[in-house]
Amino acid sequence: VVENCRLTLASDSVYMIMTDALGFLPNFAQIYLGIHAESKESLMIPNLSQGQNRLVLRWDFIEDMDLWIIDSLDTRNRVGYSQKSGNFAFGDISLDRDVKIGPGVETTQISN
């Protein structure tokens, strides 16, 4: 795990940043660095195990976005920010992380 990695870059420029780590999907982000010092976070998404699927919601603005999985046979059975896991006929579903201020990435795992 690499934390607090520091780069010195020219300000008032746009950069394409790629982060890559063993066991995670590569992440690409285009960022603009203004004239003031800034800190950017790169959210890494783990690779899937056999029998898993993933839904990814990614957005580039400050508002909150939420991904919900709702059982079509019983709409009370749902997974989202207020109910982070559930059992469905086809498998278990869990919300990995609820991002409340964008830009953000939320992933939902489906295991059968």
PDB file of N, CA and C in Angstrom:
ATOM      1  N   VAL A   1       0.845  -1.177   0.000  1.00  0.00           N
ATOM      2  CA  VAL A   1       0.000   0.000   0.000  1.00  0.00           C
ATOM      3  C   VAL A   1       0.885   1.233   0.000  1.00  0.00           C
ATOM      4  N   VAL A   2       0.620   2.114  -0.933  1.00  0.00           N
ATOM      5  CA  VAL A   2       1.356   3.376  -0.994  1.00  0.00           C
ATOM      6  C   VAL A   2       0.425   4.464  -0.500  1.00  0.00           C
ATOM      7  N   GLU A   3       0.855   5.191   0.494  1.00  0.00           N
ATOM      8  CA  GLU A   3       0.064   6.301   1.013  1.00  0.00           C
ATOM      9  C   GLU A   3       0.907   7.553   1.010  1.00  0.00           C
ATOM     10  N   ASN A   4       0.241   8.666   0.878  1.00  0.00           N
ATOM     11  CA  ASN A   4       0.903   9.966   0.945  1.00  0.00           C
ATOM     12  C   ASN A   4       2.033  10.104  -0.055  1.00  0.00           C
ATOM     13  N   CYS A   5       1.805   9.609  -1.266  1.00  0.00           N
ATOM     14  CA  CYS A   5       2.777   9.778  -2.342  1.00  0.00           C
ATOM     15  C   CYS A   5       2.738  11.248  -2.768  1.00  0.00           C
ATOM     16  N   ARG A   6       3.887  11.854  -2.937  1.00  0.00           N
ATOM     17  CA  ARG A   6       3.936  13.276  -3.256  1.00  0.00           C
ATOM     18  C   ARG A   6       4.617  13.486  -4.602  1.00  0.00           C
ATOM     19  N   LEU A   7       3.967  14.257  -5.467  1.00  0.00           N
ATOM     20  CA  LEU A   7       4.520  14.639  -6.764  1.00  0.00           C
ATOM     21  C   LEU A   7       4.585  16.151  -6.841  1.00  0.00           C
ATOM     22  N   THR A   8       5.584  16.663  -7.498  1.00  0.00           N
ATOM     23  CA  THR A   8       5.671  18.094  -7.744  1.00  0.00           C
ATOM     24  C   THR A   8       5.416  18.318  -9.228  1.00  0.00           C
ATOM     25  N   LEU A   9       4.343  19.034  -9.544  1.00  0.00           N
ATOM     26  CA  LEU A   9       3.928  19.267 -10.924  1.00  0.00           C
ATOM     27  C   LEU A   9       3.702  20.755 -11.145  1.00  0.00           C
ATOM     28  N   ALA A  10       3.793  21.158 -12.397  1.00  0.00           N
ATOM     29  CA  ALA A  10       3.527  22.560 -12.738  1.00  0.00           C
ATOM     30  C   ALA A  10       2.059  22.883 -12.493  1.00  0.00           C
ATOM     31  N   SER A  11       1.771  24.062 -11.964  1.00  0.00           N
ATOM     32  CA  SER A  11       0.387  24.457 -11.693  1.00  0.00           C
ATOM     33  C   SER A  11      -0.291  24.963 -12.960  1.00  0.00           C
ATOM     34  N   ASP A  12      -1.597  25.160 -12.859  1.00  0.00           N
ATOM     35  CA  ASP A  12      -2.425  25.644 -13.953  1.00  0.00           C
ATOM     36  C   ASP A  12      -2.284  24.750 -15.188  1.00  0.00           C
ATOM     37  N   SER A  13      -2.316  23.417 -14.951  1.00  0.00           N
ATOM     38  CA  SER A  13      -2.150  22.443 -16.021  1.00  0.00           C
ATOM     39  C   SER A  13      -3.084  21.254 -15.799  1.00  0.00           C
ATOM     40  N   VAL A  14      -3.339  20.518 -16.876  1.00  0.00           N
ATOM     41  CA  VAL A  14      -4.163  19.314 -16.813  1.00  0.00           C
ATOM     42  C   VAL A  14      -3.243  18.105 -16.952  1.00  0.00           C
ATOM     43  N   TYR A  15      -3.478  17.090 -16.116  1.00  0.00           N
ATOM     44  CA  TYR A  15      -2.656  15.883 -16.122  1.00  0.00           C
ATOM     45  C   TYR A  15      -3.548  14.649 -16.179  1.00  0.00           C
ATOM     46  N   MET A  16      -3.038  13.585 -16.813  1.00  0.00           N
ATOM     47  CA  MET A  16      -3.675  12.281 -16.768  1.00  0.00           C
ATOM     48  C   MET A  16      -2.842  11.456 -15.794  1.00  0.00           C
ATOM     49  N   ILE A  17      -3.468  11.038 -14.701  1.00  0.00           N
ATOM     50  CA  ILE A  17      -2.789  10.273 -13.664  1.00  0.00           C
ATOM     51  C   ILE A  17      -3.279   8.830 -13.722  1.00  0.00           C
ATOM     52  N   MET A  18      -2.351   7.880 -13.729  1.00  0.00           N
ATOM     53  CA  MET A  18      -2.697   6.465 -13.681  1.00  0.00           C
ATOM     54  C   MET A  18      -2.102   5.869 -12.414  1.00  0.00           C
ATOM     55  N   THR A  19      -2.952   5.203 -11.629  1.00  0.00           N
ATOM     56  CA  THR A  19      -2.474   4.489 -10.451  1.00  0.00           C
ATOM     57  C   THR A  19      -2.706   3.010 -10.689  1.00  0.00           C
ATOM     58  N   ASP A  20      -1.746   2.205 -10.251  1.00  0.00           N
ATOM     59  CA  ASP A  20      -1.794   0.768 -10.491  1.00  0.00           C
ATOM     60  C   ASP A  20      -1.176   0.070  -9.287  1.00  0.00           C
ATOM     61  N   ALA A  21      -1.816  -0.985  -8.813  1.00  0.00           N
ATOM     62  CA  ALA A  21      -1.295  -1.751  -7.679  1.00  0.00           C
ATOM     63  C   ALA A  21      -1.713  -3.207  -7.834  1.00  0.00           C
ATOM     64  N   LEU A  22      -0.879  -4.132  -7.361  1.00  0.00           N
ATOM     65  CA  LEU A  22      -1.159  -5.552  -7.426  1.00  0.00           C
ATOM     66  C   LEU A  22      -2.474  -5.858  -6.703  1.00  0.00           C
ATOM     67  N   GLY A  23      -3.371  -6.586  -7.368  1.00  0.00           N
ATOM     68  CA  GLY A  23      -4.655  -6.952  -6.772  1.00  0.00           C
ATOM     69  C   GLY A  23      -5.755  -5.927  -6.998  1.00  0.00           C
ATOM     70  N   PHE A  24      -5.462  -4.852  -7.752  1.00  0.00           N
ATOM     71  CA  PHE A  24      -6.441  -3.797  -8.008  1.00  0.00           C
ATOM     72  C   PHE A  24      -6.498  -3.491  -9.501  1.00  0.00           C
ATOM     73  N   LEU A  25      -7.641  -2.965  -9.943  1.00  0.00           N
ATOM     74  CA  LEU A  25      -7.768  -2.500 -11.319  1.00  0.00           C
ATOM     75  C   LEU A  25      -7.000  -1.200 -11.477  1.00  0.00           C
ATOM     76  N   PRO A  26      -6.382  -0.976 -12.642  1.00  0.00           N
ATOM     77  CA  PRO A  26      -5.733   0.319 -12.867  1.00  0.00           C
ATOM     78  C   PRO A  26      -6.781   1.433 -12.834  1.00  0.00           C
ATOM     79  N   ASN A  27      -6.391   2.593 -12.368  1.00  0.00           N
ATOM     80  CA  ASN A  27      -7.300   3.728 -12.276  1.00  0.00           C
ATOM     81  C   ASN A  27      -6.708   4.900 -13.056  1.00  0.00           C
ATOM     82  N   PHE A  28      -7.511   5.517 -13.904  1.00  0.00           N
ATOM     83  CA  PHE A  28      -7.081   6.669 -14.687  1.00  0.00           C
ATOM     84  C   PHE A  28      -7.937   7.859 -14.293  1.00  0.00           C
ATOM     85  N   ALA A  29      -7.308   9.001 -14.120  1.00  0.00           N
ATOM     86  CA  ALA A  29      -8.057  10.206 -13.766  1.00  0.00           C
ATOM     87  C   ALA A  29      -7.400  11.407 -14.429  1.00  0.00           C
ATOM     88  N   GLN A  30      -8.218  12.226 -15.065  1.00  0.00           N
ATOM     89  CA  GLN A  30      -7.725  13.495 -15.599  1.00  0.00           C
ATOM     90  C   GLN A  30      -7.984  14.550 -14.543  1.00  0.00           C
ATOM     91  N   ILE A  31      -6.945  15.271 -14.157  1.00  0.00           N
ATOM     92  CA  ILE A  31      -7.101  16.282 -13.113  1.00  0.00           C
ATOM     93  C   ILE A  31      -6.520  17.605 -13.572  1.00  0.00           C
ATOM     94  N   TYR A  32      -7.125  18.652 -13.087  1.00  0.00           N
ATOM     95  CA  TYR A  32      -6.610  19.996 -13.324  1.00  0.00           C
ATOM     96  C   TYR A  32      -5.999  20.492 -12.021  1.00  0.00           C
ATOM     97  N   LEU A  33      -4.761  20.943 -12.083  1.00  0.00           N
ATOM     98  CA  LEU A  33      -4.112  21.533 -10.918  1.00  0.00           C
ATOM     99  C   LEU A  33      -4.101  23.042 -11.091  1.00  0.00           C
ATOM    100  N   GLY A  34      -4.762  23.724 -10.173  1.00  0.00           N
ATOM    101  CA  GLY A  34      -4.819  25.178 -10.214  1.00  0.00           C
ATOM    102  C   GLY A  34      -3.535  25.797  -9.688  1.00  0.00           C
ATOM    103  N   ILE A  35      -3.633  27.036  -9.269  1.00  0.00           N
ATOM    104  CA  ILE A  35      -2.439  27.751  -8.810  1.00  0.00           C
ATOM    105  C   ILE A  35      -2.170  27.539  -7.324  1.00  0.00           C
ATOM    106  N   HIS A  36      -3.077  26.897  -6.604  1.00  0.00           N
ATOM    107  CA  HIS A  36      -2.886  26.630  -5.183  1.00  0.00           C
ATOM    108  C   HIS A  36      -2.546  25.157  -4.972  1.00  0.00           C
ATOM    109  N   ALA A  37      -1.864  24.852  -3.897  1.00  0.00           N
ATOM    110  CA  ALA A  37      -1.519  23.466  -3.572  1.00  0.00           C
ATOM    111  C   ALA A  37      -2.800  22.648  -3.423  1.00  0.00           C
ATOM    112  N   GLU A  38      -2.801  21.447  -3.971  1.00  0.00           N
ATOM    113  CA  GLU A  38      -3.978  20.592  -3.922  1.00  0.00           C
ATOM    114  C   GLU A  38      -3.578  19.174  -3.564  1.00  0.00           C
ATOM    115  N   SER A  39      -4.532  18.445  -3.035  1.00  0.00           N
ATOM    116  CA  SER A  39      -4.349  17.034  -2.732  1.00  0.00           C
ATOM    117  C   SER A  39      -5.431  16.262  -3.477  1.00  0.00           C
ATOM    118  N   LYS A  40      -5.059  15.206  -4.137  1.00  0.00           N
ATOM    119  CA  LYS A  40      -6.009  14.379  -4.884  1.00  0.00           C
ATOM    120  C   LYS A  40      -5.924  12.956  -4.370  1.00  0.00           C
ATOM    121  N   GLU A  41      -7.088  12.284  -4.298  1.00  0.00           N
ATOM    122  CA  GLU A  41      -7.144  10.909  -3.839  1.00  0.00           C
ATOM    123  C   GLU A  41      -7.444  10.008  -5.029  1.00  0.00           C
ATOM    124  N   SER A  42      -6.764   8.878  -5.103  1.00  0.00           N
ATOM    125  CA  SER A  42      -7.020   7.893  -6.142  1.00  0.00           C
ATOM    126  C   SER A  42      -7.679   6.681  -5.490  1.00  0.00           C
ATOM    127  N   LEU A  43      -8.937   6.430  -5.838  1.00  0.00           N
ATOM    128  CA  LEU A  43      -9.670   5.312  -5.255  1.00  0.00           C
ATOM    129  C   LEU A  43      -9.421   4.059  -6.081  1.00  0.00           C
ATOM    130  N   MET A  44      -8.835   3.057  -5.458  1.00  0.00           N
ATOM    131  CA  MET A  44      -8.502   1.815  -6.145  1.00  0.00           C
ATOM    132  C   MET A  44      -9.616   0.783  -5.923  1.00  0.00           C
ATOM    133  N   ILE A  45      -9.959   0.040  -6.974  1.00  0.00           N
ATOM    134  CA  ILE A  45     -11.015  -0.975  -6.918  1.00  0.00           C
ATOM    135  C   ILE A  45     -10.350  -2.352  -6.976  1.00  0.00           C
ATOM    136  N   PRO A  46     -10.593  -3.217  -5.965  1.00  0.00           N
ATOM    137  CA  PRO A  46      -9.950  -4.540  -5.950  1.00  0.00           C
ATOM    138  C   PRO A  46     -10.400  -5.418  -7.124  1.00  0.00           C
ATOM    139  N   ASN A  47      -9.490  -6.312  -7.568  1.00  0.00           N
ATOM    140  CA  ASN A  47      -9.849  -7.318  -8.572  1.00  0.00           C
ATOM    141  C   ASN A  47     -10.934  -8.225  -8.000  1.00  0.00           C
ATOM    142  N   LEU A  48     -11.697  -8.849  -8.883  1.00  0.00           N
ATOM    143  CA  LEU A  48     -12.769  -9.751  -8.467  1.00  0.00           C
ATOM    144  C   LEU A  48     -12.259 -11.170  -8.262  1.00  0.00           C
ATOM    145  N   SER A  49     -12.907 -11.888  -7.356  1.00  0.00           N
ATOM    146  CA  SER A  49     -12.663 -13.310  -7.175  1.00  0.00           C
ATOM    147  C   SER A  49     -13.572 -14.079  -8.129  1.00  0.00           C
ATOM    148  N   GLN A  50     -13.292 -15.371  -8.299  1.00  0.00           N
ATOM    149  CA  GLN A  50     -14.143 -16.236  -9.125  1.00  0.00           C
ATOM    150  C   GLN A  50     -15.573 -16.193  -8.596  1.00  0.00           C
ATOM    151  N   GLY A  51     -16.575 -16.034  -9.468  1.00  0.00           N
ATOM    152  CA  GLY A  51     -17.979 -16.024  -9.069  1.00  0.00           C
ATOM    153  C   GLY A  51     -18.481 -14.672  -8.592  1.00  0.00           C
ATOM    154  N   GLN A  52     -17.678 -13.621  -8.758  1.00  0.00           N
ATOM    155  CA  GLN A  52     -18.115 -12.281  -8.352  1.00  0.00           C
ATOM    156  C   GLN A  52     -18.354 -11.414  -9.583  1.00  0.00           C
ATOM    157  N   ASN A  53     -19.255 -10.474  -9.431  1.00  0.00           N
ATOM    158  CA  ASN A  53     -19.498  -9.438 -10.431  1.00  0.00           C
ATOM    159  C   ASN A  53     -19.483  -8.111  -9.706  1.00  0.00           C
ATOM    160  N   ARG A  54     -19.349  -7.044 -10.450  1.00  0.00           N
ATOM    161  CA  ARG A  54     -19.257  -5.720  -9.838  1.00  0.00           C
ATOM    162  C   ARG A  54     -20.014  -4.701 -10.672  1.00  0.00           C
ATOM    163  N   LEU A  55     -20.708  -3.815  -9.983  1.00  0.00           N
ATOM    164  CA  LEU A  55     -21.313  -2.638 -10.610  1.00  0.00           C
ATOM    165  C   LEU A  55     -20.538  -1.427 -10.096  1.00  0.00           C
ATOM    166  N   VAL A  56     -20.171  -0.533 -11.007  1.00  0.00           N
ATOM    167  CA  VAL A  56     -19.393   0.639 -10.630  1.00  0.00           C
ATOM    168  C   VAL A  56     -20.148   1.886 -11.060  1.00  0.00           C
ATOM    169  N   LEU A  57     -20.296   2.809 -10.124  1.00  0.00           N
ATOM    170  CA  LEU A  57     -20.874   4.122 -10.404  1.00  0.00           C
ATOM    171  C   LEU A  57     -19.758   5.140 -10.201  1.00  0.00           C
ATOM    172  N   ARG A  58     -19.410   5.876 -11.249  1.00  0.00           N
ATOM    173  CA  ARG A  58     -18.337   6.870 -11.179  1.00  0.00           C
ATOM    174  C   ARG A  58     -18.872   8.193 -11.718  1.00  0.00           C
ATOM    175  N   TRP A  59     -18.587   9.284 -11.003  1.00  0.00           N
ATOM    176  CA  TRP A  59     -19.037  10.598 -11.447  1.00  0.00           C
ATOM    177  C   TRP A  59     -17.980  11.643 -11.139  1.00  0.00           C
ATOM    178  N   ASP A  60     -18.048  12.749 -11.887  1.00  0.00           N
ATOM    179  CA  ASP A  60     -17.002  13.774 -11.823  1.00  0.00           C
ATOM    180  C   ASP A  60     -17.513  15.140 -11.371  1.00  0.00           C
ATOM    181  N   PHE A  61     -18.567  15.178 -10.575  1.00  0.00           N
ATOM    182  CA  PHE A  61     -19.069  16.452 -10.067  1.00  0.00           C
ATOM    183  C   PHE A  61     -19.289  16.327  -8.563  1.00  0.00           C
ATOM    184  N   ILE A  62     -19.584  17.440  -7.869  1.00  0.00           N
ATOM    185  CA  ILE A  62     -19.568  17.435  -6.398  1.00  0.00           C
ATOM    186  C   ILE A  62     -20.821  16.859  -5.755  1.00  0.00           C
ATOM    187  N   GLU A  63     -21.913  16.750  -6.480  1.00  0.00           N
ATOM    188  CA  GLU A  63     -23.142  16.227  -5.889  1.00  0.00           C
ATOM    189  C   GLU A  63     -22.988  14.748  -5.532  1.00  0.00           C
ATOM    190  N   ASP A  64     -23.844  14.300  -4.622  1.00  0.00           N
ATOM    191  CA  ASP A  64     -23.858  12.897  -4.200  1.00  0.00           C
ATOM    192  C   ASP A  64     -24.643  12.072  -5.212  1.00  0.00           C
ATOM    193  N   MET A  65     -24.114  10.912  -5.555  1.00  0.00           N
ATOM    194  CA  MET A  65     -24.811   9.949  -6.405  1.00  0.00           C
ATOM    195  C   MET A  65     -24.877   8.638  -5.625  1.00  0.00           C
ATOM    196  N   ASP A  66     -25.929   7.859  -5.833  1.00  0.00           N
ATOM    197  CA  ASP A  66     -26.075   6.581  -5.150  1.00  0.00           C
ATOM    198  C   ASP A  66     -26.573   5.525  -6.118  1.00  0.00           C
ATOM    199  N   LEU A  67     -26.000   4.333  -6.001  1.00  0.00           N
ATOM    200  CA  LEU A  67     -26.412   3.185  -6.786  1.00  0.00           C
ATOM    201  C   LEU A  67     -27.236   2.276  -5.885  1.00  0.00           C
ATOM    202  N   TRP A  68     -28.440   1.916  -6.321  1.00  0.00           N
ATOM    203  CA  TRP A  68     -29.318   1.030  -5.559  1.00  0.00           C
ATOM    204  C   TRP A  68     -29.570  -0.236  -6.351  1.00  0.00           C
ATOM    205  N   ILE A  69     -29.558  -1.382  -5.676  1.00  0.00           N
ATOM    206  CA  ILE A  69     -29.984  -2.658  -6.245  1.00  0.00           C
ATOM    207  C   ILE A  69     -31.290  -3.008  -5.538  1.00  0.00           C
ATOM    208  N   ILE A  70     -32.362  -3.191  -6.311  1.00  0.00           N
ATOM    209  CA  ILE A  70     -33.689  -3.453  -5.737  1.00  0.00           C
ATOM    210  C   ILE A  70     -34.221  -4.757  -6.311  1.00  0.00           C
ATOM    211  N   ASP A  71     -34.650  -5.643  -5.422  1.00  0.00           N
ATOM    212  CA  ASP A  71     -35.209  -6.941  -5.804  1.00  0.00           C
ATOM    213  C   ASP A  71     -36.546  -6.707  -6.507  1.00  0.00           C
ATOM    214  N   SER A  72     -36.690  -7.191  -7.737  1.00  0.00           N
ATOM    215  CA  SER A  72     -37.929  -6.960  -8.491  1.00  0.00           C
ATOM    216  C   SER A  72     -39.116  -7.743  -7.915  1.00  0.00           C
ATOM    217  N   LEU A  73     -38.842  -8.815  -7.148  1.00  0.00           N
ATOM    218  CA  LEU A  73     -39.920  -9.597  -6.549  1.00  0.00           C
ATOM    219  C   LEU A  73     -40.334  -9.073  -5.171  1.00  0.00           C
ATOM    220  N   ASP A  74     -39.429  -8.370  -4.496  1.00  0.00           N
ATOM    221  CA  ASP A  74     -39.706  -7.808  -3.165  1.00  0.00           C
ATOM    222  C   ASP A  74     -38.934  -6.499  -3.045  1.00  0.00           C
ATOM    223  N   THR A  75     -39.580  -5.394  -3.384  1.00  0.00           N
ATOM    224  CA  THR A  75     -38.891  -4.097  -3.432  1.00  0.00           C
ATOM    225  C   THR A  75     -38.407  -3.611  -2.072  1.00  0.00           C
ATOM    226  N   ARG A  76     -38.819  -4.278  -0.976  1.00  0.00           N
ATOM    227  CA  ARG A  76     -38.268  -3.943   0.340  1.00  0.00           C
ATOM    228  C   ARG A  76     -36.848  -4.476   0.494  1.00  0.00           C
ATOM    229  N   ASN A  77     -36.487  -5.462  -0.321  1.00  0.00           N
ATOM    230  CA  ASN A  77     -35.142  -6.036  -0.324  1.00  0.00           C
ATOM    231  C   ASN A  77     -34.287  -5.198  -1.264  1.00  0.00           C
ATOM    232  N   ARG A  78     -33.364  -4.412  -0.699  1.00  0.00           N
ATOM    233  CA  ARG A  78     -32.556  -3.497  -1.496  1.00  0.00           C
ATOM    234  C   ARG A  78     -31.200  -3.284  -0.858  1.00  0.00           C
ATOM    235  N   VAL A  79     -30.242  -2.874  -1.685  1.00  0.00           N
ATOM    236  CA  VAL A  79     -28.901  -2.542  -1.215  1.00  0.00           C
ATOM    237  C   VAL A  79     -28.567  -1.157  -1.737  1.00  0.00           C
ATOM    238  N   GLY A  80     -28.108  -0.293  -0.840  1.00  0.00           N
ATOM    239  CA  GLY A  80     -27.724   1.075  -1.160  1.00  0.00           C
ATOM    240  C   GLY A  80     -27.080   1.693   0.062  1.00  0.00           C
ATOM    241  N   TYR A  81     -27.020   3.027   0.123  1.00  0.00           N
ATOM    242  CA  TYR A  81     -26.294   3.692   1.207  1.00  0.00           C
ATOM    243  C   TYR A  81     -26.880   3.421   2.590  1.00  0.00           C
ATOM    244  N   SER A  82     -28.191   3.195   2.707  1.00  0.00           N
ATOM    245  CA  SER A  82     -28.778   2.969   4.034  1.00  0.00           C
ATOM    246  C   SER A  82     -28.860   1.487   4.406  1.00  0.00           C
ATOM    247  N   GLN A  83     -28.737   0.606   3.440  1.00  0.00           N
ATOM    248  CA  GLN A  83     -28.726  -0.852   3.663  1.00  0.00           C
ATOM    249  C   GLN A  83     -27.595  -1.402   2.805  1.00  0.00           C
ATOM    250  N   LYS A  84     -26.407  -1.570   3.411  1.00  0.00           N
ATOM    251  CA  LYS A  84     -25.191  -1.846   2.651  1.00  0.00           C
ATOM    252  C   LYS A  84     -25.014  -3.290   2.170  1.00  0.00           C
ATOM    253  N   SER A  85     -25.858  -4.217   2.599  1.00  0.00           N
ATOM    254  CA  SER A  85     -25.747  -5.589   2.107  1.00  0.00           C
ATOM    255  C   SER A  85     -27.114  -6.264   2.133  1.00  0.00           C
ATOM    256  N   GLY A  86     -27.242  -7.317   1.323  1.00  0.00           N
ATOM    257  CA  GLY A  86     -28.497  -8.054   1.281  1.00  0.00           C
ATOM    258  C   GLY A  86     -28.325  -9.379   0.571  1.00  0.00           C
ATOM    259  N   ASN A  87     -29.287 -10.277   0.797  1.00  0.00           N
ATOM    260  CA  ASN A  87     -29.298 -11.587   0.147  1.00  0.00           C
ATOM    261  C   ASN A  87     -30.409 -11.600  -0.889  1.00  0.00           C
ATOM    262  N   PHE A  88     -30.049 -11.943  -2.109  1.00  0.00           N
ATOM    263  CA  PHE A  88     -30.992 -12.030  -3.206  1.00  0.00           C
ATOM    264  C   PHE A  88     -31.011 -13.469  -3.705  1.00  0.00           C
ATOM    265  N   ALA A  89     -31.995 -13.827  -4.516  1.00  0.00           N
ATOM    266  CA  ALA A  89     -32.123 -15.206  -5.007  1.00  0.00           C
ATOM    267  C   ALA A  89     -30.874 -15.652  -5.757  1.00  0.00           C
ATOM    268  N   PHE A  90     -30.199 -14.738  -6.451  1.00  0.00           N
ATOM    269  CA  PHE A  90     -29.031 -15.096  -7.262  1.00  0.00           C
ATOM    270  C   PHE A  90     -27.710 -14.915  -6.523  1.00  0.00           C
ATOM    271  N   GLY A  91     -27.723 -14.388  -5.283  1.00  0.00           N
ATOM    272  CA  GLY A  91     -26.472 -14.238  -4.534  1.00  0.00           C
ATOM    273  C   GLY A  91     -26.513 -13.114  -3.528  1.00  0.00           C
ATOM    274  N   ASP A  92     -25.371 -12.892  -2.895  1.00  0.00           N
ATOM    275  CA  ASP A  92     -25.220 -11.823  -1.905  1.00  0.00           C
ATOM    276  C   ASP A  92     -24.717 -10.560  -2.585  1.00  0.00           C
ATOM    277  N   ILE A  93     -25.230  -9.415  -2.122  1.00  0.00           N
ATOM    278  CA  ILE A  93     -24.839  -8.124  -2.694  1.00  0.00           C
ATOM    279  C   ILE A  93     -24.368  -7.230  -1.557  1.00  0.00           C
ATOM    280  N   SER A  94     -23.274  -6.477  -1.807  1.00  0.00           N
ATOM    281  CA  SER A  94     -22.796  -5.541  -0.791  1.00  0.00           C
ATOM    282  C   SER A  94     -22.228  -4.286  -1.437  1.00  0.00           C
ATOM    283  N   LEU A  95     -22.560  -3.144  -0.849  1.00  0.00           N
ATOM    284  CA  LEU A  95     -22.002  -1.859  -1.248  1.00  0.00           C
ATOM    285  C   LEU A  95     -20.665  -1.713  -0.529  1.00  0.00           C
ATOM    286  N   ASP A  96     -19.588  -1.557  -1.287  1.00  0.00           N
ATOM    287  CA  ASP A  96     -18.253  -1.475  -0.692  1.00  0.00           C
ATOM    288  C   ASP A  96     -18.010  -0.154   0.028  1.00  0.00           C
ATOM    289  N   ARG A  97     -18.455   0.938  -0.575  1.00  0.00           N
ATOM    290  CA  ARG A  97     -18.162   2.260  -0.022  1.00  0.00           C
ATOM    291  C   ARG A  97     -19.206   3.245  -0.509  1.00  0.00           C
ATOM    292  N   ASP A  98     -19.710   4.063   0.404  1.00  0.00           N
ATOM    293  CA  ASP A  98     -20.660   5.128   0.050  1.00  0.00           C
ATOM    294  C   ASP A  98     -19.906   6.448   0.029  1.00  0.00           C
ATOM    295  N   VAL A  99     -19.739   7.027  -1.151  1.00  0.00           N
ATOM    296  CA  VAL A  99     -19.073   8.323  -1.303  1.00  0.00           C
ATOM    297  C   VAL A  99     -20.154   9.392  -1.253  1.00  0.00           C
ATOM    298  N   LYS A 100     -20.040  10.326  -0.310  1.00  0.00           N
ATOM    299  CA  LYS A 100     -21.104  11.314  -0.096  1.00  0.00           C
ATOM    300  C   LYS A 100     -20.867  12.638  -0.790  1.00  0.00           C
ATOM    301  N   ILE A 101     -19.623  12.923  -1.174  1.00  0.00           N
ATOM    302  CA  ILE A 101     -19.303  14.156  -1.898  1.00  0.00           C
ATOM    303  C   ILE A 101     -18.435  13.779  -3.086  1.00  0.00           C
ATOM    304  N   GLY A 102     -18.874  14.159  -4.284  1.00  0.00           N
ATOM    305  CA  GLY A 102     -18.122  13.809  -5.485  1.00  0.00           C
ATOM    306  C   GLY A 102     -16.946  14.736  -5.712  1.00  0.00           C
ATOM    307  N   PRO A 103     -16.150  14.443  -6.722  1.00  0.00           N
ATOM    308  CA  PRO A 103     -16.302  13.297  -7.601  1.00  0.00           C
ATOM    309  C   PRO A 103     -16.060  12.007  -6.832  1.00  0.00           C
ATOM    310  N   GLY A 104     -16.608  10.918  -7.348  1.00  0.00           N
ATOM    311  CA  GLY A 104     -16.485   9.687  -6.589  1.00  0.00           C
ATOM    312  C   GLY A 104     -16.644   8.432  -7.407  1.00  0.00           C
ATOM    313  N   VAL A 105     -16.367   7.319  -6.722  1.00  0.00           N
ATOM    314  CA  VAL A 105     -16.533   5.981  -7.277  1.00  0.00           C
ATOM    315  C   VAL A 105     -17.176   5.135  -6.190  1.00  0.00           C
ATOM    316  N   GLU A 106     -18.303   4.515  -6.496  1.00  0.00           N
ATOM    317  CA  GLU A 106     -18.931   3.554  -5.590  1.00  0.00           C
ATOM    318  C   GLU A 106     -18.986   2.216  -6.300  1.00  0.00           C
ATOM    319  N   THR A 107     -18.636   1.153  -5.575  1.00  0.00           N
ATOM    320  CA  THR A 107     -18.689  -0.184  -6.166  1.00  0.00           C
ATOM    321  C   THR A 107     -19.621  -1.061  -5.346  1.00  0.00           C
ATOM    322  N   THR A 108     -20.372  -1.886  -6.048  1.00  0.00           N
ATOM    323  CA  THR A 108     -21.272  -2.850  -5.437  1.00  0.00           C
ATOM    324  C   THR A 108     -20.864  -4.231  -5.923  1.00  0.00           C
ATOM    325  N   GLN A 109     -20.585  -5.142  -4.989  1.00  0.00           N
ATOM    326  CA  GLN A 109     -20.156  -6.501  -5.306  1.00  0.00           C
ATOM    327  C   GLN A 109     -21.365  -7.448  -5.321  1.00  0.00           C
ATOM    328  N   ILE A 110     -21.383  -8.359  -6.287  1.00  0.00           N
ATOM    329  CA  ILE A 110     -22.406  -9.392  -6.372  1.00  0.00           C
ATOM    330  C   ILE A 110     -21.690 -10.731  -6.359  1.00  0.00           C
ATOM    331  N   SER A 111     -21.954 -11.557  -5.359  1.00  0.00           N
ATOM    332  CA  SER A 111     -21.327 -12.888  -5.240  1.00  0.00           C
ATOM    333  C   SER A 111     -22.402 -13.953  -5.362  1.00  0.00           C
ATOM    334  N   ASN A 112     -22.147 -14.924  -6.241  1.00  0.00           N
ATOM    335  CA  ASN A 112     -23.120 -16.013  -6.384  1.00  0.00           C
ATOM    336  C   ASN A 112     -22.530 -17.325  -5.936  1.00  0.00           C
TER     337      ASN A 112
END
